[in-house]
């Protein structure tokens, strides 16, 4: 019983750590690259526009899709690691 509780606690901590990492990447790309670092990225041209504008319009969407696939992949590995796989 205690082993199951320790296993569940470790699983939850790993899950929260993964979610936190994904949220940090999400905040950096959507808020940081598109808004905060706009002056630094203004001189870099991607697709005929500034890199910060590209992040605000296209890059953040592509990053969000990448985060979804990364999260699903990592959660499958985490489930298998803790014996909760399909």
PDB file of N, CA and C in Angstrom:
ATOM      1  N   UNK A   1       0.819  -1.194   0.000  1.00  0.00           N
ATOM      2  CA  UNK A   1       0.000   0.000   0.000  1.00  0.00           C
ATOM      3  C   UNK A   1       0.868   1.265   0.000  1.00  0.00           C
ATOM      4  N   UNK A   2       1.891   1.277   0.844  1.00  0.00           N
ATOM      5  CA  UNK A   2       2.768   2.442   0.904  1.00  0.00           C
ATOM      6  C   UNK A   2       3.566   2.594  -0.383  1.00  0.00           C
ATOM      7  N   UNK A   3       3.914   1.440  -0.994  1.00  0.00           N
ATOM      8  CA  UNK A   3       4.657   1.486  -2.247  1.00  0.00           C
ATOM      9  C   UNK A   3       3.808   2.082  -3.366  1.00  0.00           C
ATOM     10  N   UNK A   4       2.509   1.748  -3.377  1.00  0.00           N
ATOM     11  CA  UNK A   4       1.609   2.315  -4.380  1.00  0.00           C
ATOM     12  C   UNK A   4       1.476   3.827  -4.205  1.00  0.00           C
ATOM     13  N   UNK A   5       1.420   4.263  -2.947  1.00  0.00           N
ATOM     14  CA  UNK A   5       1.298   5.704  -2.691  1.00  0.00           C
ATOM     15  C   UNK A   5       2.574   6.439  -3.105  1.00  0.00           C
ATOM     16  N   UNK A   6       3.735   5.863  -2.831  1.00  0.00           N
ATOM     17  CA  UNK A   6       5.000   6.467  -3.234  1.00  0.00           C
ATOM     18  C   UNK A   6       5.118   6.502  -4.754  1.00  0.00           C
ATOM     19  N   UNK A   7       4.659   5.427  -5.410  1.00  0.00           N
ATOM     20  CA  UNK A   7       4.686   5.363  -6.872  1.00  0.00           C
ATOM     21  C   UNK A   7       3.763   6.428  -7.472  1.00  0.00           C
ATOM     22  N   UNK A   8       2.577   6.592  -6.880  1.00  0.00           N
ATOM     23  CA  UNK A   8       1.621   7.595  -7.361  1.00  0.00           C
ATOM     24  C   UNK A   8       2.170   9.008  -7.147  1.00  0.00           C
ATOM     25  N   UNK A   9       2.837   9.231  -6.018  1.00  0.00           N
ATOM     26  CA  UNK A   9       3.421  10.547  -5.741  1.00  0.00           C
ATOM     27  C   UNK A   9       4.539  10.865  -6.729  1.00  0.00           C
ATOM     28  N   UNK A  10       5.391   9.897  -7.004  1.00  0.00           N
ATOM     29  CA  UNK A  10       6.485  10.100  -7.972  1.00  0.00           C
ATOM     30  C   UNK A  10       5.924  10.349  -9.368  1.00  0.00           C
ATOM     31  N   UNK A  11       4.886   9.613  -9.732  1.00  0.00           N
ATOM     32  CA  UNK A  11       4.247   9.798 -11.039  1.00  0.00           C
ATOM     33  C   UNK A  11       3.674  11.208 -11.146  1.00  0.00           C
ATOM     34  N   UNK A  12       2.992  11.655 -10.095  1.00  0.00           N
ATOM     35  CA  UNK A  12       2.380  12.979 -10.125  1.00  0.00           C
ATOM     36  C   UNK A  12       3.438  14.076 -10.184  1.00  0.00           C
ATOM     37  N   UNK A  13       4.526  13.921  -9.436  1.00  0.00           N
ATOM     38  CA  UNK A  13       5.606  14.919  -9.479  1.00  0.00           C
ATOM     39  C   UNK A  13       6.226  14.999 -10.868  1.00  0.00           C
ATOM     40  N   UNK A  14       6.420  13.856 -11.506  1.00  0.00           N
ATOM     41  CA  UNK A  14       6.974  13.854 -12.863  1.00  0.00           C
ATOM     42  C   UNK A  14       6.006  14.508 -13.842  1.00  0.00           C
ATOM     43  N   UNK A  15       4.722  14.261 -13.667  1.00  0.00           N
ATOM     44  CA  UNK A  15       3.705  14.850 -14.535  1.00  0.00           C
ATOM     45  C   UNK A  15       3.664  16.362 -14.364  1.00  0.00           C
ATOM     46  N   UNK A  16       3.688  16.835 -13.130  1.00  0.00           N
ATOM     47  CA  UNK A  16       3.665  18.281 -12.875  1.00  0.00           C
ATOM     48  C   UNK A  16       4.931  18.943 -13.413  1.00  0.00           C
ATOM     49  N   UNK A  17       6.082  18.277 -13.280  1.00  0.00           N
ATOM     50  CA  UNK A  17       7.334  18.819 -13.815  1.00  0.00           C
ATOM     51  C   UNK A  17       7.251  18.945 -15.338  1.00  0.00           C
ATOM     52  N   UNK A  18       6.663  17.958 -16.003  1.00  0.00           N
ATOM     53  CA  UNK A  18       6.500  17.998 -17.452  1.00  0.00           C
ATOM     54  C   UNK A  18       5.557  19.127 -17.867  1.00  0.00           C
ATOM     55  N   UNK A  19       4.451  19.261 -17.162  1.00  0.00           N
ATOM     56  CA  UNK A  19       3.496  20.327 -17.462  1.00  0.00           C
ATOM     57  C   UNK A  19       4.132  21.693 -17.245  1.00  0.00           C
ATOM     58  N   UNK A  20       4.896  21.840 -16.172  1.00  0.00           N
ATOM     59  CA  UNK A  20       5.563  23.105 -15.894  1.00  0.00           C
ATOM     60  C   UNK A  20       6.551  23.468 -16.998  1.00  0.00           C
ATOM     61  N   UNK A  21       7.315  22.490 -17.455  1.00  0.00           N
ATOM     62  CA  UNK A  21       8.252  22.738 -18.551  1.00  0.00           C
ATOM     63  C   UNK A  21       7.547  23.159 -19.824  1.00  0.00           C
ATOM     64  N   UNK A  22       6.438  22.497 -20.137  1.00  0.00           N
ATOM     65  CA  UNK A  22       5.674  22.862 -21.334  1.00  0.00           C
ATOM     66  C   UNK A  22       5.096  24.268 -21.208  1.00  0.00           C
ATOM     67  N   UNK A  23       4.620  24.634 -20.018  1.00  0.00           N
ATOM     68  CA  UNK A  23       4.077  25.975 -19.817  1.00  0.00           C
ATOM     69  C   UNK A  23       5.157  27.048 -19.909  1.00  0.00           C
ATOM     70  N   UNK A  24       6.361  26.729 -19.452  1.00  0.00           N
ATOM     71  CA  UNK A  24       7.464  27.687 -19.563  1.00  0.00           C
ATOM     72  C   UNK A  24       7.808  27.937 -21.031  1.00  0.00           C
ATOM     73  N   UNK A  25       7.873  26.871 -21.816  1.00  0.00           N
ATOM     74  CA  UNK A  25       8.142  27.026 -23.250  1.00  0.00           C
ATOM     75  C   UNK A  25       7.020  27.821 -23.907  1.00  0.00           C
ATOM     76  N   UNK A  26       5.776  27.498 -23.563  1.00  0.00           N
ATOM     77  CA  UNK A  26       4.625  28.197 -24.116  1.00  0.00           C
ATOM     78  C   UNK A  26       4.695  29.695 -23.793  1.00  0.00           C
ATOM     79  N   UNK A  27       4.987  30.047 -22.534  1.00  0.00           N
ATOM     80  CA  UNK A  27       5.052  31.453 -22.130  1.00  0.00           C
ATOM     81  C   UNK A  27       6.213  32.166 -22.811  1.00  0.00           C
ATOM     82  N   UNK A  28       7.352  31.493 -22.920  1.00  0.00           N
ATOM     83  CA  UNK A  28       8.509  32.115 -23.562  1.00  0.00           C
ATOM     84  C   UNK A  28       8.221  32.433 -25.022  1.00  0.00           C
ATOM     85  N   UNK A  29       7.622  31.491 -25.732  1.00  0.00           N
ATOM     86  CA  UNK A  29       7.369  31.700 -27.161  1.00  0.00           C
ATOM     87  C   UNK A  29       6.260  32.715 -27.381  1.00  0.00           C
ATOM     88  N   UNK A  30       5.132  32.559 -26.686  1.00  0.00           N
ATOM     89  CA  UNK A  30       3.989  33.430 -26.965  1.00  0.00           C
ATOM     90  C   UNK A  30       4.164  34.822 -26.381  1.00  0.00           C
ATOM     91  N   UNK A  31       4.699  34.926 -25.179  1.00  0.00           N
ATOM     92  CA  UNK A  31       4.832  36.232 -24.545  1.00  0.00           C
ATOM     93  C   UNK A  31       6.225  36.814 -24.742  1.00  0.00           C
ATOM     94  N   UNK A  32       7.233  35.980 -24.568  1.00  0.00           N
ATOM     95  CA  UNK A  32       8.604  36.467 -24.659  1.00  0.00           C
ATOM     96  C   UNK A  32       9.023  36.841 -26.066  1.00  0.00           C
ATOM     97  N   UNK A  33       8.951  35.875 -26.983  1.00  0.00           N
ATOM     98  CA  UNK A  33       9.434  36.121 -28.354  1.00  0.00           C
ATOM     99  C   UNK A  33       8.553  37.089 -29.119  1.00  0.00           C
ATOM    100  N   UNK A  34       7.261  37.082 -28.848  1.00  0.00           N
ATOM    101  CA  UNK A  34       6.358  37.936 -29.613  1.00  0.00           C
ATOM    102  C   UNK A  34       6.229  39.337 -29.032  1.00  0.00           C
ATOM    103  N   UNK A  35       6.438  39.498 -27.713  1.00  0.00           N
ATOM    104  CA  UNK A  35       6.200  40.800 -27.094  1.00  0.00           C
ATOM    105  C   UNK A  35       7.461  41.365 -26.425  1.00  0.00           C
ATOM    106  N   UNK A  36       8.003  40.643 -25.458  1.00  0.00           N
ATOM    107  CA  UNK A  36       9.109  41.180 -24.657  1.00  0.00           C
ATOM    108  C   UNK A  36      10.391  41.379 -25.456  1.00  0.00           C
ATOM    109  N   UNK A  37      10.729  40.401 -26.278  1.00  0.00           N
ATOM    110  CA  UNK A  37      11.984  40.468 -27.028  1.00  0.00           C
ATOM    111  C   UNK A  37      11.795  41.031 -28.433  1.00  0.00           C
ATOM    112  N   UNK A  38      10.701  41.730 -28.666  1.00  0.00           N
ATOM    113  CA  UNK A  38      10.417  42.284 -29.992  1.00  0.00           C
ATOM    114  C   UNK A  38      11.526  43.198 -30.487  1.00  0.00           C
ATOM    115  N   UNK A  39      12.038  44.117 -29.667  1.00  0.00           N
ATOM    116  CA  UNK A  39      13.120  44.978 -30.168  1.00  0.00           C
ATOM    117  C   UNK A  39      14.380  44.197 -30.560  1.00  0.00           C
ATOM    118  N   UNK A  40      14.670  43.124 -29.843  1.00  0.00           N
ATOM    119  CA  UNK A  40      15.857  42.327 -30.157  1.00  0.00           C
ATOM    120  C   UNK A  40      15.683  41.519 -31.443  1.00  0.00           C
ATOM    121  N   UNK A  41      14.456  41.100 -31.724  1.00  0.00           N
ATOM    122  CA  UNK A  41      14.190  40.262 -32.896  1.00  0.00           C
ATOM    123  C   UNK A  41      13.738  41.058 -34.110  1.00  0.00           C
ATOM    124  N   UNK A  42      13.661  42.385 -33.987  1.00  0.00           N
ATOM    125  CA  UNK A  42      13.121  43.215 -35.074  1.00  0.00           C
ATOM    126  C   UNK A  42      13.997  43.194 -36.321  1.00  0.00           C
ATOM    127  N   UNK A  43      15.290  43.032 -36.170  1.00  0.00           N
ATOM    128  CA  UNK A  43      16.173  43.078 -37.326  1.00  0.00           C
ATOM    129  C   UNK A  43      16.283  41.774 -38.091  1.00  0.00           C
ATOM    130  N   UNK A  44      15.755  40.694 -37.540  1.00  0.00           N
ATOM    131  CA  UNK A  44      15.847  39.381 -38.180  1.00  0.00           C
ATOM    132  C   UNK A  44      14.607  39.175 -39.043  1.00  0.00           C
ATOM    133  N   UNK A  45      14.817  38.902 -40.319  1.00  0.00           N
ATOM    134  CA  UNK A  45      13.706  38.764 -41.257  1.00  0.00           C
ATOM    135  C   UNK A  45      13.405  37.297 -41.535  1.00  0.00           C
ATOM    136  N   UNK A  46      12.128  36.937 -41.403  1.00  0.00           N
ATOM    137  CA  UNK A  46      11.650  35.582 -41.722  1.00  0.00           C
ATOM    138  C   UNK A  46      10.393  35.741 -42.566  1.00  0.00           C
ATOM    139  N   UNK A  47      10.433  35.237 -43.771  1.00  0.00           N
ATOM    140  CA  UNK A  47       9.263  35.314 -44.638  1.00  0.00           C
ATOM    141  C   UNK A  47       8.863  36.731 -44.987  1.00  0.00           C
ATOM    142  N   UNK A  48       9.812  37.651 -45.028  1.00  0.00           N
ATOM    143  CA  UNK A  48       9.507  39.027 -45.398  1.00  0.00           C
ATOM    144  C   UNK A  48       9.006  39.886 -44.249  1.00  0.00           C
ATOM    145  N   UNK A  49       9.050  39.383 -43.026  1.00  0.00           N
ATOM    146  CA  UNK A  49       8.598  40.152 -41.876  1.00  0.00           C
ATOM    147  C   UNK A  49       9.552  39.933 -40.704  1.00  0.00           C
ATOM    148  N   UNK A  50       9.402  40.705 -39.650  1.00  0.00           N
ATOM    149  CA  UNK A  50      10.259  40.559 -38.480  1.00  0.00           C
ATOM    150  C   UNK A  50      10.010  39.216 -37.798  1.00  0.00           C
ATOM    151  N   UNK A  51      11.049  38.707 -37.151  1.00  0.00           N
ATOM    152  CA  UNK A  51      10.945  37.422 -36.461  1.00  0.00           C
ATOM    153  C   UNK A  51       9.933  37.480 -35.321  1.00  0.00           C
ATOM    154  N   UNK A  52       9.849  38.600 -34.614  1.00  0.00           N
ATOM    155  CA  UNK A  52       8.882  38.706 -33.520  1.00  0.00           C
ATOM    156  C   UNK A  52       7.445  38.644 -34.043  1.00  0.00           C
ATOM    157  N   UNK A  53       7.181  39.286 -35.179  1.00  0.00           N
ATOM    158  CA  UNK A  53       5.850  39.212 -35.783  1.00  0.00           C
ATOM    159  C   UNK A  53       5.560  37.791 -36.249  1.00  0.00           C
ATOM    160  N   UNK A  54       6.571  37.124 -36.789  1.00  0.00           N
ATOM    161  CA  UNK A  54       6.393  35.747 -37.229  1.00  0.00           C
ATOM    162  C   UNK A  54       6.048  34.851 -36.048  1.00  0.00           C
ATOM    163  N   UNK A  55       6.741  35.035 -34.908  1.00  0.00           N
ATOM    164  CA  UNK A  55       6.419  34.257 -33.715  1.00  0.00           C
ATOM    165  C   UNK A  55       5.000  34.535 -33.254  1.00  0.00           C
ATOM    166  N   UNK A  56       4.575  35.783 -33.301  1.00  0.00           N
ATOM    167  CA  UNK A  56       3.230  36.131 -32.854  1.00  0.00           C
ATOM    168  C   UNK A  56       2.167  35.521 -33.758  1.00  0.00           C
ATOM    169  N   UNK A  57       2.428  35.398 -35.052  1.00  0.00           N
ATOM    170  CA  UNK A  57       1.421  34.930 -35.985  1.00  0.00           C
ATOM    171  C   UNK A  57       1.529  33.447 -36.333  1.00  0.00           C
ATOM    172  N   UNK A  58       2.725  32.955 -36.583  1.00  0.00           N
ATOM    173  CA  UNK A  58       2.899  31.586 -37.062  1.00  0.00           C
ATOM    174  C   UNK A  58       3.700  30.712 -36.101  1.00  0.00           C
ATOM    175  N   UNK A  59       4.797  31.246 -35.612  1.00  0.00           N
ATOM    176  CA  UNK A  59       5.712  30.457 -34.812  1.00  0.00           C
ATOM    177  C   UNK A  59       5.102  29.936 -33.526  1.00  0.00           C
ATOM    178  N   UNK A  60       4.276  30.744 -32.885  1.00  0.00           N
ATOM    179  CA  UNK A  60       3.658  30.289 -31.649  1.00  0.00           C
ATOM    180  C   UNK A  60       2.687  29.145 -31.911  1.00  0.00           C
ATOM    181  N   UNK A  61       1.971  29.194 -33.008  1.00  0.00           N
ATOM    182  CA  UNK A  61       1.042  28.114 -33.345  1.00  0.00           C
ATOM    183  C   UNK A  61       1.802  26.826 -33.617  1.00  0.00           C
ATOM    184  N   UNK A  62       2.878  26.921 -34.383  1.00  0.00           N
ATOM    185  CA  UNK A  62       3.687  25.733 -34.659  1.00  0.00           C
ATOM    186  C   UNK A  62       4.335  25.196 -33.383  1.00  0.00           C
ATOM    187  N   UNK A  63       4.756  26.088 -32.507  1.00  0.00           N
ATOM    188  CA  UNK A  63       5.331  25.666 -31.239  1.00  0.00           C
ATOM    189  C   UNK A  63       4.283  24.979 -30.373  1.00  0.00           C
ATOM    190  N   UNK A  64       3.072  25.497 -30.336  1.00  0.00           N
ATOM    191  CA  UNK A  64       2.003  24.882 -29.546  1.00  0.00           C
ATOM    192  C   UNK A  64       1.703  23.476 -30.048  1.00  0.00           C
ATOM    193  N   UNK A  65       1.672  23.293 -31.353  1.00  0.00           N
ATOM    194  CA  UNK A  65       1.444  21.958 -31.913  1.00  0.00           C
ATOM    195  C   UNK A  65       2.591  21.031 -31.531  1.00  0.00           C
ATOM    196  N   UNK A  66       3.819  21.544 -31.591  1.00  0.00           N
ATOM    197  CA  UNK A  66       4.970  20.755 -31.173  1.00  0.00           C
ATOM    198  C   UNK A  66       4.897  20.374 -29.703  1.00  0.00           C
ATOM    199  N   UNK A  67       4.441  21.297 -28.848  1.00  0.00           N
ATOM    200  CA  UNK A  67       4.302  21.006 -27.425  1.00  0.00           C
ATOM    201  C   UNK A  67       3.276  19.902 -27.199  1.00  0.00           C
ATOM    202  N   UNK A  68       2.193  19.915 -27.949  1.00  0.00           N
ATOM    203  CA  UNK A  68       1.165  18.873 -27.808  1.00  0.00           C
ATOM    204  C   UNK A  68       1.747  17.505 -28.121  1.00  0.00           C
ATOM    205  N   UNK A  69       2.455  17.387 -29.230  1.00  0.00           N
ATOM    206  CA  UNK A  69       3.044  16.089 -29.585  1.00  0.00           C
ATOM    207  C   UNK A  69       4.130  15.683 -28.600  1.00  0.00           C
ATOM    208  N   UNK A  70       4.939  16.639 -28.147  1.00  0.00           N
ATOM    209  CA  UNK A  70       5.975  16.348 -27.160  1.00  0.00           C
ATOM    210  C   UNK A  70       5.354  15.856 -25.855  1.00  0.00           C
ATOM    211  N   UNK A  71       4.294  16.515 -25.400  1.00  0.00           N
ATOM    212  CA  UNK A  71       3.633  16.121 -24.155  1.00  0.00           C
ATOM    213  C   UNK A  71       3.049  14.717 -24.270  1.00  0.00           C
ATOM    214  N   UNK A  72       2.402  14.412 -25.378  1.00  0.00           N
ATOM    215  CA  UNK A  72       1.829  13.081 -25.569  1.00  0.00           C
ATOM    216  C   UNK A  72       2.921  12.014 -25.583  1.00  0.00           C
ATOM    217  N   UNK A  73       4.021  12.288 -26.261  1.00  0.00           N
ATOM    218  CA  UNK A  73       5.135  11.342 -26.327  1.00  0.00           C
ATOM    219  C   UNK A  73       5.728  11.101 -24.943  1.00  0.00           C
ATOM    220  N   UNK A  74       5.997  12.204 -24.210  1.00  0.00           N
ATOM    221  CA  UNK A  74       6.585  12.077 -22.881  1.00  0.00           C
ATOM    222  C   UNK A  74       5.629  11.402 -21.894  1.00  0.00           C
ATOM    223  N   UNK A  75       4.338  11.669 -21.998  1.00  0.00           N
ATOM    224  CA  UNK A  75       3.378  11.037 -21.093  1.00  0.00           C
ATOM    225  C   UNK A  75       3.274   9.543 -21.365  1.00  0.00           C
ATOM    226  N   UNK A  76       3.362   9.134 -22.623  1.00  0.00           N
ATOM    227  CA  UNK A  76       3.376   7.703 -22.929  1.00  0.00           C
ATOM    228  C   UNK A  76       4.593   7.028 -22.304  1.00  0.00           C
ATOM    229  N   UNK A  77       5.743   7.670 -22.398  1.00  0.00           N
ATOM    230  CA  UNK A  77       6.955   7.125 -21.775  1.00  0.00           C
ATOM    231  C   UNK A  77       6.828   7.101 -20.257  1.00  0.00           C
ATOM    232  N   UNK A  78       6.245   8.143 -19.684  1.00  0.00           N
ATOM    233  CA  UNK A  78       6.045   8.206 -18.243  1.00  0.00           C
ATOM    234  C   UNK A  78       5.070   7.136 -17.773  1.00  0.00           C
ATOM    235  N   UNK A  79       3.998   6.931 -18.522  1.00  0.00           N
ATOM    236  CA  UNK A  79       3.045   5.873 -18.188  1.00  0.00           C
ATOM    237  C   UNK A  79       3.706   4.509 -18.208  1.00  0.00           C
ATOM    238  N   UNK A  80       4.507   4.256 -19.222  1.00  0.00           N
ATOM    239  CA  UNK A  80       5.202   2.979 -19.303  1.00  0.00           C
ATOM    240  C   UNK A  80       6.226   2.804 -18.174  1.00  0.00           C
ATOM    241  N   UNK A  81       6.884   3.898 -17.808  1.00  0.00           N
ATOM    242  CA  UNK A  81       7.878   3.849 -16.739  1.00  0.00           C
ATOM    243  C   UNK A  81       7.245   3.470 -15.402  1.00  0.00           C
ATOM    244  N   UNK A  82       6.034   3.951 -15.151  1.00  0.00           N
ATOM    245  CA  UNK A  82       5.367   3.674 -13.887  1.00  0.00           C
ATOM    246  C   UNK A  82       4.356   2.525 -13.978  1.00  0.00           C
ATOM    247  N   UNK A  83       4.385   1.806 -15.087  1.00  0.00           N
ATOM    248  CA  UNK A  83       3.526   0.631 -15.231  1.00  0.00           C
ATOM    249  C   UNK A  83       2.064   0.964 -15.477  1.00  0.00           C
ATOM    250  N   UNK A  84       1.803   2.102 -16.072  1.00  0.00           N
ATOM    251  CA  UNK A  84       0.434   2.513 -16.338  1.00  0.00           C
ATOM    252  C   UNK A  84       0.120   2.543 -17.830  1.00  0.00           C
ATOM    253  N   UNK A  85       0.973   1.938 -18.637  1.00  0.00           N
ATOM    254  CA  UNK A  85       0.783   1.964 -20.085  1.00  0.00           C
ATOM    255  C   UNK A  85      -0.418   1.142 -20.524  1.00  0.00           C
ATOM    256  N   UNK A  86      -0.731   1.280 -21.776  1.00  0.00           N
ATOM    257  CA  UNK A  86      -1.902   0.581 -22.314  1.00  0.00           C
ATOM    258  C   UNK A  86      -1.695  -0.912 -22.380  1.00  0.00           C
TER     259      UNK A  86
END
